[in-house]
Amino acid sequence: MKTPIREQNLQARKLSRVIKGMPATDGAGVELTRIIGQPALPMLDPFLLLDAFRSDKPEDYIAGFPPHPHRGFETVTYLLAGRMRHKDSAGHEGVIESGGIQWMTAGKGIVHSEMPEQEKGLLEGFQLWVNLPAGHKMDPPRYQEHPASDIPLETRQGGIELRVISGMTSQGTTGPVVQPLTEPLYLDVRVPAGQQFVETLPASHNAFIYMITGPANVVHENGQTTRLVRDDLGILGEGVTVKLDAGKSDVRFLLVAGKPLGEPVARGGPFVMNTHSEIQQAFEDYDQGRF
């Protein structure tokens, strides 16, 4: 039984599960870690997939992601280090650089590629897939692209820093990406050693923490303190307030939340729709060059 919203407002959001990423390859052989979209966590509505990539070995990433189609959802690419060039079937082209975000609404269909704009050095970042509601899966494709300089940095007492990509923090800092369909919050947070991070989230949203560097301590629903380490994903339970304590070292993590859609999900490789017949139609449209 769901906890009434009035009672939720008195609750801290505690960890309900911790997910370990699994090794995977995608594109033309890019080595990555799959966190959402694997057997242990097929999805966390509205989030369909979360991949992390981090390597300074060119053979792990140089083949990139050659042209491939998408329909019915959004792809969100956030780079911590390196450069990626994007091209698509609509004539759009650009380079995502360190600290930059590309929020692509694939909508009714687009064919795009993401290729490293570097031959050596560190390439590190994330790709998140965000679902679209049935009534908007066939919207025209569009982009919200922003370099690092467009993303506001909020500073708090104790040296805590938040890069606000989308949504609004409890202190009023608003990110440049806007998506009213799922109301996403996407924060890149740094907490110095010995400090506590506190933030409020909408009670209706699903939310998770993904540790970039750790460890950090978060209270679990079983009452015990859980130690989140690098590459752990912590799913947050019901409530509003999230608290995280840095230990003896600085920590960095993503805090992501979104409004669940509660709709049927049908997947077919690069397509995400509501029914299997819609997936079949997507493949037919792609084969017929209708994207």
Protein backbone atom coordinates (compact mmCIF):
# COMPACT_ATOMS: atom_id res chain seq x y z
CA MET A 1 0.00 0.00 0.00
CA LYS A 2 1.29 3.44 -0.95
CA THR A 3 2.04 5.83 1.89
CA PRO A 4 -0.27 8.89 1.84
CA ILE A 5 1.45 11.99 0.48
CA ARG A 6 0.84 13.85 3.76
CA GLU A 7 2.82 11.19 5.63
CA GLN A 8 5.46 11.01 2.90
CA ASN A 9 6.21 14.66 3.49
CA LEU A 10 7.44 13.76 6.98
CA GLN A 11 9.74 11.02 5.69
CA ALA A 12 13.32 10.93 4.55
CA ARG A 13 13.91 9.04 1.33
CA LYS A 14 15.93 6.00 2.31
CA LEU A 15 17.65 3.47 0.09
CA SER A 16 15.37 0.66 -1.07
CA ARG A 17 17.89 -1.18 -3.28
CA VAL A 18 21.50 -0.98 -4.41
CA ILE A 19 22.27 -2.04 -7.97
CA LYS A 20 25.68 -3.01 -9.28
CA GLY A 21 26.41 -2.22 -12.92
CA MET A 22 27.25 -5.01 -15.32
CA PRO A 23 29.86 -4.92 -18.12
CA ALA A 24 28.37 -4.45 -21.58
CA THR A 25 29.25 -3.35 -25.08
CA ASP A 26 27.20 -1.21 -27.42
CA GLY A 27 27.55 0.66 -30.68
CA ALA A 28 30.52 -0.67 -32.63
CA GLY A 29 32.06 -2.28 -29.55
CA VAL A 30 32.23 0.51 -26.96
CA GLU A 31 33.00 -0.89 -23.50
CA LEU A 32 30.59 0.41 -20.87
CA THR A 33 28.77 -0.38 -17.64
CA ARG A 34 25.01 -0.91 -17.84
CA ILE A 35 23.15 0.03 -14.68
CA ILE A 36 19.51 0.51 -15.71
CA GLY A 37 18.35 -1.75 -18.53
CA GLN A 38 19.94 -4.94 -17.18
CA PRO A 39 18.29 -8.01 -15.59
CA ALA A 40 18.64 -6.68 -12.03
CA LEU A 41 16.94 -3.38 -12.98
CA PRO A 42 15.14 -3.47 -16.36
CA MET A 43 13.78 0.06 -15.81
CA LEU A 44 12.94 2.63 -13.16
CA ASP A 45 9.95 4.45 -14.64
CA PRO A 46 10.42 6.79 -16.52
CA PHE A 47 14.09 5.79 -16.89
CA LEU A 48 14.69 3.00 -19.39
CA LEU A 49 18.48 2.74 -19.44
CA LEU A 50 21.59 4.17 -17.81
CA ASP A 51 25.02 3.43 -19.25
CA ALA A 52 28.30 4.71 -17.83
CA PHE A 53 31.47 4.81 -19.90
CA ARG A 54 34.91 5.62 -18.57
CA SER A 55 38.19 4.72 -20.24
CA ASP A 56 41.50 6.24 -21.27
CA LYS A 57 42.13 3.32 -23.65
CA PRO A 58 41.15 4.31 -27.20
CA GLU A 59 40.38 0.70 -28.12
CA ASP A 60 37.51 0.80 -25.59
CA TYR A 61 35.69 3.71 -27.24
CA ILE A 62 37.21 4.73 -30.58
CA ALA A 63 34.68 2.77 -32.71
CA GLY A 64 31.90 4.87 -31.19
CA PHE A 65 28.22 4.61 -32.06
CA PRO A 66 27.77 4.64 -35.87
CA PRO A 67 24.39 5.65 -37.39
CA HIS A 68 21.43 3.98 -35.64
CA PRO A 69 17.72 4.84 -35.25
CA HIS A 70 15.58 5.74 -32.24
CA ARG A 71 11.85 6.26 -31.73
CA GLY A 72 9.57 6.85 -28.75
CA PHE A 73 11.88 8.17 -26.03
CA GLU A 74 14.70 10.58 -25.19
CA THR A 75 18.46 10.01 -25.05
CA VAL A 76 20.49 12.12 -22.62
CA THR A 77 24.27 12.27 -23.08
CA TYR A 78 26.31 13.93 -20.33
CA LEU A 79 30.09 14.08 -20.63
CA LEU A 80 32.49 14.41 -17.71
CA ALA A 81 35.61 14.20 -19.91
CA GLY A 82 36.33 14.04 -23.62
CA ARG A 83 34.50 15.05 -26.79
CA MET A 84 31.79 13.34 -28.88
CA ARG A 85 30.53 14.40 -32.32
CA HIS A 86 26.83 13.98 -33.05
CA LYS A 87 25.25 13.81 -36.54
CA ASP A 88 21.72 12.89 -37.55
CA SER A 89 19.38 12.28 -40.47
CA ALA A 90 17.75 15.71 -40.02
CA GLY A 91 21.03 17.52 -40.76
CA HIS A 92 21.86 18.35 -37.16
CA GLU A 93 25.53 18.15 -36.16
CA GLY A 94 27.54 19.26 -33.15
CA VAL A 95 30.19 18.35 -30.60
CA ILE A 96 29.44 17.52 -26.96
CA GLU A 97 32.42 18.48 -24.79
CA SER A 98 33.41 17.93 -21.17
CA GLY A 99 30.64 19.16 -18.88
CA GLY A 100 28.13 19.45 -21.71
CA ILE A 101 24.69 17.92 -22.06
CA GLN A 102 22.68 16.79 -25.08
CA TRP A 103 19.02 15.99 -24.37
CA MET A 104 17.64 14.51 -27.58
CA THR A 105 13.92 13.85 -27.98
CA ALA A 106 13.86 11.14 -30.65
CA GLY A 107 10.06 11.31 -30.91
CA LYS A 108 8.68 9.80 -34.13
CA GLY A 109 12.11 8.81 -35.36
CA ILE A 110 15.64 9.88 -36.09
CA VAL A 111 18.86 8.23 -37.24
CA HIS A 112 21.95 9.54 -35.49
CA SER A 113 25.56 8.75 -34.71
CA GLU A 114 27.81 9.60 -31.76
CA MET A 115 31.51 9.29 -32.47
CA PRO A 116 34.53 10.21 -30.33
CA GLU A 117 36.10 13.51 -31.37
CA GLN A 118 39.45 12.34 -30.00
CA GLU A 119 41.97 9.60 -30.70
CA LYS A 120 43.40 9.34 -27.19
CA GLY A 121 42.81 10.45 -23.61
CA LEU A 122 39.97 9.92 -21.18
CA LEU A 123 36.39 9.62 -22.38
CA GLU A 124 33.91 9.55 -19.50
CA GLY A 125 30.21 10.14 -19.25
CA PHE A 126 26.70 8.74 -19.20
CA GLN A 127 23.79 8.00 -21.46
CA LEU A 128 20.33 7.98 -19.89
CA TRP A 129 17.15 6.97 -21.72
CA VAL A 130 13.96 8.70 -20.59
CA ASN A 131 10.57 7.40 -21.71
CA LEU A 132 7.91 9.52 -23.40
CA PRO A 133 4.17 9.15 -22.75
CA ALA A 134 2.06 7.48 -25.43
CA GLY A 135 0.59 10.76 -26.64
CA HIS A 136 4.04 12.22 -27.34
CA LYS A 137 6.01 9.27 -28.72
CA MET A 138 5.42 10.51 -32.28
CA ASP A 139 6.33 14.15 -31.62
CA PRO A 140 8.86 15.74 -33.98
CA PRO A 141 12.49 15.19 -32.92
CA ARG A 142 14.18 18.05 -31.08
CA TYR A 143 17.28 18.87 -29.06
CA GLN A 144 18.23 20.70 -25.91
CA GLU A 145 22.01 21.07 -26.09
CA HIS A 146 24.09 23.05 -23.63
CA PRO A 147 27.83 23.45 -23.08
CA ALA A 148 29.29 23.41 -19.57
CA SER A 149 29.12 27.21 -19.44
CA ASP A 150 25.29 27.08 -19.68
CA ILE A 151 24.85 24.77 -16.71
CA PRO A 152 24.46 26.70 -13.45
CA LEU A 153 26.67 25.85 -10.48
CA GLU A 154 25.06 26.09 -7.06
CA THR A 155 27.42 26.34 -4.07
CA ARG A 156 26.40 25.55 -0.50
CA GLN A 157 27.89 25.76 2.94
CA GLY A 158 30.77 23.37 3.49
CA GLY A 159 31.95 23.54 -0.12
CA ILE A 160 29.10 21.46 -1.56
CA GLU A 161 28.61 22.06 -5.30
CA LEU A 162 25.71 21.14 -7.58
CA ARG A 163 25.68 21.39 -11.36
CA VAL A 164 21.99 21.69 -12.21
CA ILE A 165 21.21 20.20 -15.62
CA SER A 166 17.44 19.97 -15.31
CA GLY A 167 14.84 20.71 -12.66
CA MET A 168 15.06 23.09 -9.74
CA THR A 169 16.90 22.60 -6.45
CA SER A 170 15.48 23.37 -3.01
CA GLN A 171 17.51 26.59 -3.12
CA GLY A 172 15.94 27.72 -6.40
CA THR A 173 18.69 27.01 -8.93
CA THR A 174 17.11 25.89 -12.22
CA GLY A 175 18.76 23.85 -14.97
CA PRO A 176 18.55 24.77 -18.68
CA VAL A 177 16.86 21.52 -19.78
CA VAL A 178 13.06 21.61 -19.52
CA GLN A 179 10.77 18.59 -20.03
CA PRO A 180 7.29 19.03 -18.49
CA LEU A 181 6.22 15.51 -19.52
CA THR A 182 8.45 13.79 -16.93
CA GLU A 183 9.64 16.80 -14.87
CA PRO A 184 13.22 15.47 -14.58
CA LEU A 185 15.73 16.54 -11.98
CA TYR A 186 19.34 15.86 -13.03
CA LEU A 187 22.09 16.99 -10.66
CA ASP A 188 25.86 16.41 -10.66
CA VAL A 189 26.82 16.81 -7.00
CA ARG A 190 30.19 17.12 -5.22
CA VAL A 191 30.36 16.81 -1.43
CA PRO A 192 33.66 17.42 0.42
CA ALA A 193 34.86 14.94 3.02
CA GLY A 194 32.94 15.11 6.29
CA GLN A 195 30.00 17.08 4.89
CA GLN A 196 26.32 16.12 4.65
CA PHE A 197 24.24 16.76 1.53
CA VAL A 198 20.49 17.32 1.96
CA GLU A 199 17.97 17.86 -0.84
CA THR A 200 14.21 17.59 -1.31
CA LEU A 201 12.59 15.73 -4.19
CA PRO A 202 8.98 15.54 -5.39
CA ALA A 203 7.23 12.75 -3.48
CA SER A 204 5.67 11.48 -6.70
CA HIS A 205 9.00 10.98 -8.50
CA ASN A 206 11.17 7.90 -8.77
CA ALA A 207 14.76 8.77 -7.90
CA PHE A 208 18.25 7.33 -7.73
CA ILE A 209 21.81 8.17 -6.74
CA TYR A 210 24.68 7.02 -8.96
CA MET A 211 28.12 7.20 -7.36
CA ILE A 212 30.86 8.61 -9.60
CA THR A 213 33.38 8.59 -6.78
CA GLY A 214 32.78 7.39 -3.25
CA PRO A 215 32.26 6.10 -0.72
CA ALA A 216 29.26 7.82 0.87
CA ASN A 217 26.76 6.79 3.52
CA VAL A 218 22.97 6.71 3.08
CA VAL A 219 20.39 5.22 5.45
CA HIS A 220 18.65 2.10 4.13
CA GLU A 221 14.96 1.29 4.65
CA ASN A 222 16.09 -1.51 6.98
CA GLY A 223 17.47 1.14 9.32
CA GLN A 224 21.10 0.34 8.65
CA THR A 225 23.58 2.77 7.12
CA THR A 226 24.60 1.64 3.64
CA ARG A 227 27.96 2.49 2.14
CA LEU A 228 27.67 3.41 -1.53
CA VAL A 229 30.89 3.02 -3.50
CA ARG A 230 31.96 4.02 -6.98
CA ASP A 231 29.53 2.81 -9.68
CA ASP A 232 26.77 1.84 -7.22
CA LEU A 233 23.24 2.93 -8.05
CA GLY A 234 21.04 3.49 -5.01
CA ILE A 235 17.29 3.54 -5.59
CA LEU A 236 15.54 5.91 -3.20
CA GLY A 237 12.29 4.86 -1.54
CA GLU A 238 9.21 6.91 -0.72
CA GLY A 239 9.46 10.30 0.95
CA VAL A 240 10.81 13.72 0.14
CA THR A 241 14.16 14.45 1.77
CA VAL A 242 17.36 12.70 0.71
CA LYS A 243 20.47 12.82 2.89
CA LEU A 244 23.97 11.62 2.03
CA ASP A 245 27.08 11.79 4.20
CA ALA A 246 30.59 11.96 2.79
CA GLY A 247 33.16 10.03 4.79
CA LYS A 248 36.88 10.67 4.91
CA SER A 249 37.13 11.56 1.21
CA ASP A 250 35.31 13.80 -1.25
CA VAL A 251 32.42 12.23 -3.14
CA ARG A 252 30.70 12.91 -6.46
CA PHE A 253 27.42 11.49 -7.66
CA LEU A 254 24.44 11.98 -9.92
CA LEU A 255 21.06 12.60 -8.30
CA VAL A 256 18.29 11.94 -10.82
CA ALA A 257 14.51 11.94 -10.39
CA GLY A 258 11.55 11.84 -12.74
CA LYS A 259 7.77 11.50 -12.79
CA PRO A 260 6.74 7.91 -13.58
CA LEU A 261 4.41 7.46 -16.55
CA GLY A 262 2.77 4.22 -15.43
CA GLU A 263 2.23 3.05 -19.02
CA PRO A 264 2.93 -0.27 -20.77
CA VAL A 265 6.44 -0.46 -22.23
CA ALA A 266 7.30 -2.40 -25.38
CA ARG A 267 10.96 -2.51 -26.42
CA GLY A 268 12.54 -3.42 -29.69
CA GLY A 269 16.24 -2.62 -29.73
CA PRO A 270 16.45 1.13 -30.45
CA PHE A 271 12.67 1.64 -30.28
CA VAL A 272 10.49 2.02 -27.17
CA MET A 273 6.73 2.14 -27.64
CA ASN A 274 3.60 0.99 -25.77
CA THR A 275 2.68 -2.09 -27.83
CA HIS A 276 4.47 -4.73 -29.87
CA SER A 277 2.53 -3.71 -32.98
CA GLU A 278 3.95 -0.19 -32.60
CA ILE A 279 7.44 -1.69 -32.41
CA GLN A 280 6.79 -3.65 -35.63
CA GLN A 281 5.57 -0.43 -37.27
CA ALA A 282 8.77 1.35 -36.16
CA PHE A 283 10.93 -1.30 -37.81
CA GLU A 284 8.83 -1.11 -40.97
CA ASP A 285 9.03 2.69 -41.07
CA TYR A 286 12.80 2.56 -40.59
CA ASP A 287 13.23 -0.08 -43.30
CA GLN A 288 11.13 2.04 -45.66
CA GLY A 289 13.20 5.17 -45.00
CA ARG A 290 10.42 7.09 -43.28
CA PHE A 291 12.58 8.44 -40.44
